[in-house]
Amino acid sequence: MVSNKIVVIGDNDTVTGFQMAGAKDAYICKSPDETREMLVRHFRDPTTGLIIITEFLAKPVEDTIIELSAAPVPVILLIPDRTGSRGTYETVLKELIRRAVGIEINI
């Protein structure tokens, strides 16, 4: 099965922007539990190739993102929202590098 579906999880502005660009699977999440549920649901879908999530929503569910990112597909991409970057992607990236290489690297 081809993993070519793109899922967007974010705030209203981000989701609206991606929908205007043609994204069909875009979801507004209002709580960490809702965000975690949406991540896991789409991660288990074999047609999903990319999950885009805003840093603001990713911060409270970092542990879930790190756990899910151990698999190569789908890729989970953290993006800033309209307020700018919060550095959440750095925390997730550092943990993934630490797991892969075995040492902590400053980025």
N, C-alpha and C. Protein backbone atom coordinates (compact mmCIF):
# COMPACT_ATOMS: atom_id res chain seq x y z
N MET A 1 0.84 -1.18 0.00
CA MET A 1 0.00 0.00 0.00
C MET A 1 0.89 1.25 0.00
N VAL A 2 0.49 2.25 -0.74
CA VAL A 2 1.25 3.48 -0.85
C VAL A 2 0.93 4.40 0.31
N SER A 3 1.99 4.93 0.92
CA SER A 3 1.82 5.86 2.05
C SER A 3 1.99 7.28 1.52
N ASN A 4 0.94 7.84 0.95
CA ASN A 4 1.06 9.16 0.34
C ASN A 4 0.11 10.21 0.91
N LYS A 5 -0.63 9.86 1.95
CA LYS A 5 -1.56 10.81 2.55
C LYS A 5 -0.81 11.73 3.49
N ILE A 6 -1.15 13.02 3.41
CA ILE A 6 -0.57 14.02 4.31
C ILE A 6 -1.65 14.45 5.29
N VAL A 7 -1.31 14.39 6.58
CA VAL A 7 -2.23 14.77 7.65
C VAL A 7 -1.67 16.02 8.33
N VAL A 8 -2.53 16.99 8.56
CA VAL A 8 -2.13 18.22 9.24
C VAL A 8 -2.89 18.31 10.55
N ILE A 9 -2.16 18.56 11.65
CA ILE A 9 -2.76 18.73 12.97
C ILE A 9 -2.28 20.07 13.50
N GLY A 10 -3.21 20.97 13.76
CA GLY A 10 -2.78 22.29 14.20
C GLY A 10 -3.91 23.16 14.69
N ASP A 11 -3.60 24.43 14.79
CA ASP A 11 -4.59 25.43 15.20
C ASP A 11 -5.42 25.82 13.98
N ASN A 12 -6.42 26.63 14.20
CA ASN A 12 -7.35 27.02 13.15
C ASN A 12 -6.64 27.67 11.96
N ASP A 13 -5.71 28.61 12.22
CA ASP A 13 -5.03 29.31 11.14
C ASP A 13 -4.17 28.37 10.30
N THR A 14 -3.43 27.50 10.96
CA THR A 14 -2.56 26.56 10.25
C THR A 14 -3.38 25.59 9.43
N VAL A 15 -4.40 25.02 10.02
CA VAL A 15 -5.25 24.06 9.32
C VAL A 15 -5.94 24.72 8.12
N THR A 16 -6.45 25.93 8.31
CA THR A 16 -7.10 26.64 7.21
C THR A 16 -6.13 26.88 6.06
N GLY A 17 -4.92 27.28 6.39
CA GLY A 17 -3.89 27.51 5.36
C GLY A 17 -3.58 26.25 4.57
N PHE A 18 -3.42 25.14 5.24
CA PHE A 18 -3.14 23.88 4.56
C PHE A 18 -4.34 23.41 3.75
N GLN A 19 -5.55 23.65 4.26
CA GLN A 19 -6.75 23.28 3.50
C GLN A 19 -6.85 24.11 2.23
N MET A 20 -6.49 25.37 2.30
CA MET A 20 -6.50 26.22 1.12
C MET A 20 -5.46 25.76 0.10
N ALA A 21 -4.41 25.12 0.59
CA ALA A 21 -3.37 24.58 -0.30
C ALA A 21 -3.73 23.19 -0.82
N GLY A 22 -4.87 22.64 -0.38
CA GLY A 22 -5.33 21.37 -0.90
C GLY A 22 -5.30 20.20 0.06
N ALA A 23 -4.86 20.41 1.31
CA ALA A 23 -4.83 19.31 2.28
C ALA A 23 -6.26 18.91 2.64
N LYS A 24 -6.53 17.62 2.51
CA LYS A 24 -7.88 17.13 2.83
C LYS A 24 -7.98 16.62 4.26
N ASP A 25 -6.89 16.09 4.79
CA ASP A 25 -6.88 15.52 6.14
C ASP A 25 -6.22 16.52 7.09
N ALA A 26 -6.97 17.52 7.51
CA ALA A 26 -6.47 18.56 8.39
C ALA A 26 -7.40 18.69 9.58
N TYR A 27 -6.81 18.70 10.78
CA TYR A 27 -7.61 18.64 12.01
C TYR A 27 -7.17 19.70 13.00
N ILE A 28 -8.14 20.34 13.60
CA ILE A 28 -7.90 21.31 14.67
C ILE A 28 -8.05 20.56 15.99
N CYS A 29 -6.99 20.56 16.80
CA CYS A 29 -7.04 19.89 18.10
C CYS A 29 -7.00 20.94 19.20
N LYS A 30 -7.77 20.71 20.23
CA LYS A 30 -7.89 21.69 21.31
C LYS A 30 -7.28 21.24 22.63
N SER A 31 -6.86 19.98 22.72
CA SER A 31 -6.30 19.49 23.97
C SER A 31 -5.18 18.49 23.68
N PRO A 32 -4.29 18.27 24.65
CA PRO A 32 -3.25 17.26 24.45
C PRO A 32 -3.81 15.86 24.19
N ASP A 33 -4.89 15.50 24.89
CA ASP A 33 -5.48 14.18 24.68
C ASP A 33 -6.00 14.03 23.26
N GLU A 34 -6.66 15.06 22.77
CA GLU A 34 -7.18 15.05 21.41
C GLU A 34 -6.03 14.98 20.39
N THR A 35 -4.95 15.71 20.66
CA THR A 35 -3.78 15.70 19.78
C THR A 35 -3.15 14.32 19.77
N ARG A 36 -2.95 13.74 20.93
CA ARG A 36 -2.35 12.40 21.04
C ARG A 36 -3.21 11.36 20.29
N GLU A 37 -4.52 11.43 20.49
CA GLU A 37 -5.43 10.49 19.83
C GLU A 37 -5.34 10.62 18.30
N MET A 38 -5.29 11.84 17.81
CA MET A 38 -5.21 12.08 16.37
C MET A 38 -3.87 11.58 15.82
N LEU A 39 -2.79 11.82 16.54
CA LEU A 39 -1.47 11.33 16.12
C LEU A 39 -1.46 9.81 15.99
N VAL A 40 -1.90 9.14 17.03
CA VAL A 40 -1.88 7.68 17.04
C VAL A 40 -2.81 7.12 15.96
N ARG A 41 -3.97 7.70 15.83
CA ARG A 41 -4.93 7.22 14.82
C ARG A 41 -4.34 7.27 13.42
N HIS A 42 -3.74 8.39 13.07
CA HIS A 42 -3.19 8.53 11.72
C HIS A 42 -1.85 7.82 11.57
N PHE A 43 -1.13 7.65 12.65
CA PHE A 43 0.13 6.92 12.59
C PHE A 43 -0.13 5.46 12.23
N ARG A 44 -1.23 4.93 12.71
CA ARG A 44 -1.58 3.53 12.45
C ARG A 44 -2.18 3.31 11.06
N ASP A 45 -2.55 4.39 10.39
CA ASP A 45 -3.13 4.29 9.05
C ASP A 45 -2.01 4.06 8.04
N PRO A 46 -1.98 2.92 7.35
CA PRO A 46 -0.88 2.62 6.43
C PRO A 46 -0.82 3.54 5.21
N THR A 47 -1.88 4.32 4.96
CA THR A 47 -1.84 5.24 3.81
C THR A 47 -1.22 6.59 4.17
N THR A 48 -0.96 6.83 5.46
CA THR A 48 -0.38 8.10 5.89
C THR A 48 1.13 8.06 5.71
N GLY A 49 1.65 9.05 4.97
CA GLY A 49 3.09 9.15 4.75
C GLY A 49 3.72 10.28 5.53
N LEU A 50 2.95 11.32 5.84
CA LEU A 50 3.48 12.50 6.52
C LEU A 50 2.42 13.06 7.46
N ILE A 51 2.84 13.33 8.69
CA ILE A 51 1.98 14.00 9.67
C ILE A 51 2.66 15.32 10.01
N ILE A 52 1.99 16.42 9.71
CA ILE A 52 2.49 17.75 10.02
C ILE A 52 1.74 18.23 11.26
N ILE A 53 2.49 18.66 12.28
CA ILE A 53 1.87 19.12 13.52
C ILE A 53 2.57 20.39 13.99
N THR A 54 1.79 21.34 14.49
CA THR A 54 2.39 22.58 14.98
C THR A 54 3.13 22.32 16.28
N GLU A 55 4.19 23.09 16.49
CA GLU A 55 5.01 22.94 17.70
C GLU A 55 4.19 23.15 18.96
N PHE A 56 3.26 24.09 18.92
CA PHE A 56 2.44 24.38 20.09
C PHE A 56 1.68 23.14 20.55
N LEU A 57 1.08 22.41 19.60
CA LEU A 57 0.35 21.19 19.94
C LEU A 57 1.30 20.03 20.23
N ALA A 58 2.48 20.06 19.65
CA ALA A 58 3.44 18.97 19.83
C ALA A 58 4.08 18.98 21.22
N LYS A 59 4.27 20.15 21.79
CA LYS A 59 4.98 20.27 23.07
C LYS A 59 4.41 19.36 24.17
N PRO A 60 3.10 19.37 24.43
CA PRO A 60 2.58 18.54 25.52
C PRO A 60 2.58 17.04 25.20
N VAL A 61 2.79 16.67 23.95
CA VAL A 61 2.77 15.25 23.58
C VAL A 61 4.11 14.80 23.00
N GLU A 62 5.20 15.48 23.42
CA GLU A 62 6.54 15.14 22.94
C GLU A 62 6.85 13.66 23.10
N ASP A 63 6.49 13.10 24.25
CA ASP A 63 6.80 11.70 24.52
C ASP A 63 6.16 10.78 23.48
N THR A 64 4.95 11.07 23.10
CA THR A 64 4.25 10.27 22.08
C THR A 64 4.92 10.44 20.72
N ILE A 65 5.30 11.66 20.37
CA ILE A 65 5.95 11.91 19.09
C ILE A 65 7.28 11.19 19.02
N ILE A 66 8.06 11.24 20.09
CA ILE A 66 9.35 10.55 20.11
C ILE A 66 9.15 9.05 19.97
N GLU A 67 8.19 8.52 20.67
CA GLU A 67 7.90 7.09 20.60
C GLU A 67 7.48 6.68 19.19
N LEU A 68 6.58 7.44 18.59
CA LEU A 68 6.10 7.11 17.25
C LEU A 68 7.17 7.32 16.18
N SER A 69 8.06 8.27 16.40
CA SER A 69 9.09 8.59 15.40
C SER A 69 10.15 7.51 15.26
N ALA A 70 10.09 6.49 16.09
CA ALA A 70 11.04 5.38 15.95
C ALA A 70 10.81 4.64 14.64
N ALA A 71 9.60 4.68 14.12
CA ALA A 71 9.27 4.04 12.84
C ALA A 71 9.59 5.02 11.71
N PRO A 72 10.05 4.51 10.57
CA PRO A 72 10.41 5.41 9.47
C PRO A 72 9.23 6.07 8.77
N VAL A 73 8.08 5.43 8.78
CA VAL A 73 6.90 5.97 8.10
C VAL A 73 5.70 5.81 9.02
N PRO A 74 4.87 6.77 9.16
CA PRO A 74 4.95 8.08 8.53
C PRO A 74 5.93 9.00 9.24
N VAL A 75 6.39 9.98 8.52
CA VAL A 75 7.28 10.99 9.08
C VAL A 75 6.42 12.00 9.83
N ILE A 76 6.89 12.40 11.01
CA ILE A 76 6.19 13.42 11.78
C ILE A 76 7.04 14.69 11.71
N LEU A 77 6.46 15.73 11.15
CA LEU A 77 7.16 17.00 10.94
C LEU A 77 6.55 18.07 11.82
N LEU A 78 7.38 18.69 12.66
CA LEU A 78 6.93 19.77 13.53
C LEU A 78 7.18 21.09 12.83
N ILE A 79 6.16 21.95 12.81
CA ILE A 79 6.28 23.26 12.17
C ILE A 79 5.84 24.34 13.15
N PRO A 80 6.36 25.56 12.99
CA PRO A 80 5.89 26.65 13.85
C PRO A 80 4.48 27.07 13.43
N ASP A 81 3.75 27.67 14.37
CA ASP A 81 2.45 28.24 14.02
C ASP A 81 2.67 29.72 13.71
N ARG A 82 1.62 30.48 13.62
CA ARG A 82 1.77 31.89 13.23
C ARG A 82 2.50 32.74 14.26
N THR A 83 2.65 32.23 15.49
CA THR A 83 3.36 32.99 16.52
C THR A 83 4.87 32.74 16.48
N GLY A 84 5.30 31.78 15.66
CA GLY A 84 6.72 31.50 15.53
C GLY A 84 7.13 30.21 16.20
N SER A 85 8.42 29.92 16.10
CA SER A 85 8.95 28.67 16.62
C SER A 85 9.05 28.70 18.14
N ARG A 86 8.80 27.57 18.76
CA ARG A 86 8.90 27.42 20.21
C ARG A 86 10.08 26.53 20.59
N GLY A 87 10.81 26.00 19.61
CA GLY A 87 11.96 25.15 19.88
C GLY A 87 11.61 23.71 20.19
N THR A 88 10.36 23.34 20.07
CA THR A 88 9.94 21.97 20.37
C THR A 88 10.61 20.98 19.45
N TYR A 89 10.78 21.35 18.17
CA TYR A 89 11.40 20.44 17.22
C TYR A 89 12.81 20.08 17.66
N GLU A 90 13.52 21.01 18.32
CA GLU A 90 14.88 20.74 18.78
C GLU A 90 14.88 19.64 19.84
N THR A 91 13.95 19.70 20.76
CA THR A 91 13.87 18.69 21.81
C THR A 91 13.61 17.31 21.21
N VAL A 92 12.67 17.24 20.30
CA VAL A 92 12.33 15.97 19.66
C VAL A 92 13.51 15.47 18.84
N LEU A 93 14.12 16.36 18.06
CA LEU A 93 15.24 15.97 17.22
C LEU A 93 16.43 15.49 18.05
N LYS A 94 16.73 16.18 19.15
CA LYS A 94 17.83 15.76 20.03
C LYS A 94 17.59 14.35 20.57
N GLU A 95 16.37 14.06 20.99
CA GLU A 95 16.06 12.74 21.53
C GLU A 95 16.18 11.66 20.45
N LEU A 96 15.72 11.95 19.24
CA LEU A 96 15.83 10.97 18.17
C LEU A 96 17.30 10.72 17.80
N ILE A 97 18.12 11.77 17.79
CA ILE A 97 19.55 11.60 17.52
C ILE A 97 20.20 10.81 18.64
N ARG A 98 19.84 11.11 19.89
CA ARG A 98 20.41 10.38 21.03
C ARG A 98 20.10 8.90 20.93
N ARG A 99 18.87 8.58 20.55
CA ARG A 99 18.49 7.17 20.41
C ARG A 99 19.24 6.49 19.27
N ALA A 100 19.40 7.20 18.15
CA ALA A 100 20.03 6.60 16.98
C ALA A 100 21.54 6.46 17.13
N VAL A 101 22.18 7.48 17.71
CA VAL A 101 23.64 7.51 17.80
C VAL A 101 24.13 7.00 19.15
N GLY A 102 23.33 7.22 20.17
CA GLY A 102 23.72 6.78 21.50
C GLY A 102 24.36 7.86 22.35
N ILE A 103 24.50 9.05 21.79
CA ILE A 103 25.06 10.17 22.55
C ILE A 103 24.20 11.41 22.30
N GLU A 104 24.28 12.36 23.22
CA GLU A 104 23.52 13.59 23.06
C GLU A 104 24.35 14.58 22.26
N ILE A 105 23.72 15.17 21.26
CA ILE A 105 24.39 16.14 20.40
C ILE A 105 23.64 17.46 20.49
N ASN A 106 24.39 18.55 20.68
CA ASN A 106 23.77 19.86 20.73
C ASN A 106 23.55 20.36 19.32
N ILE A 107 22.34 20.83 19.07
CA ILE A 107 22.03 21.37 17.74
C ILE A 107 21.64 22.82 17.84
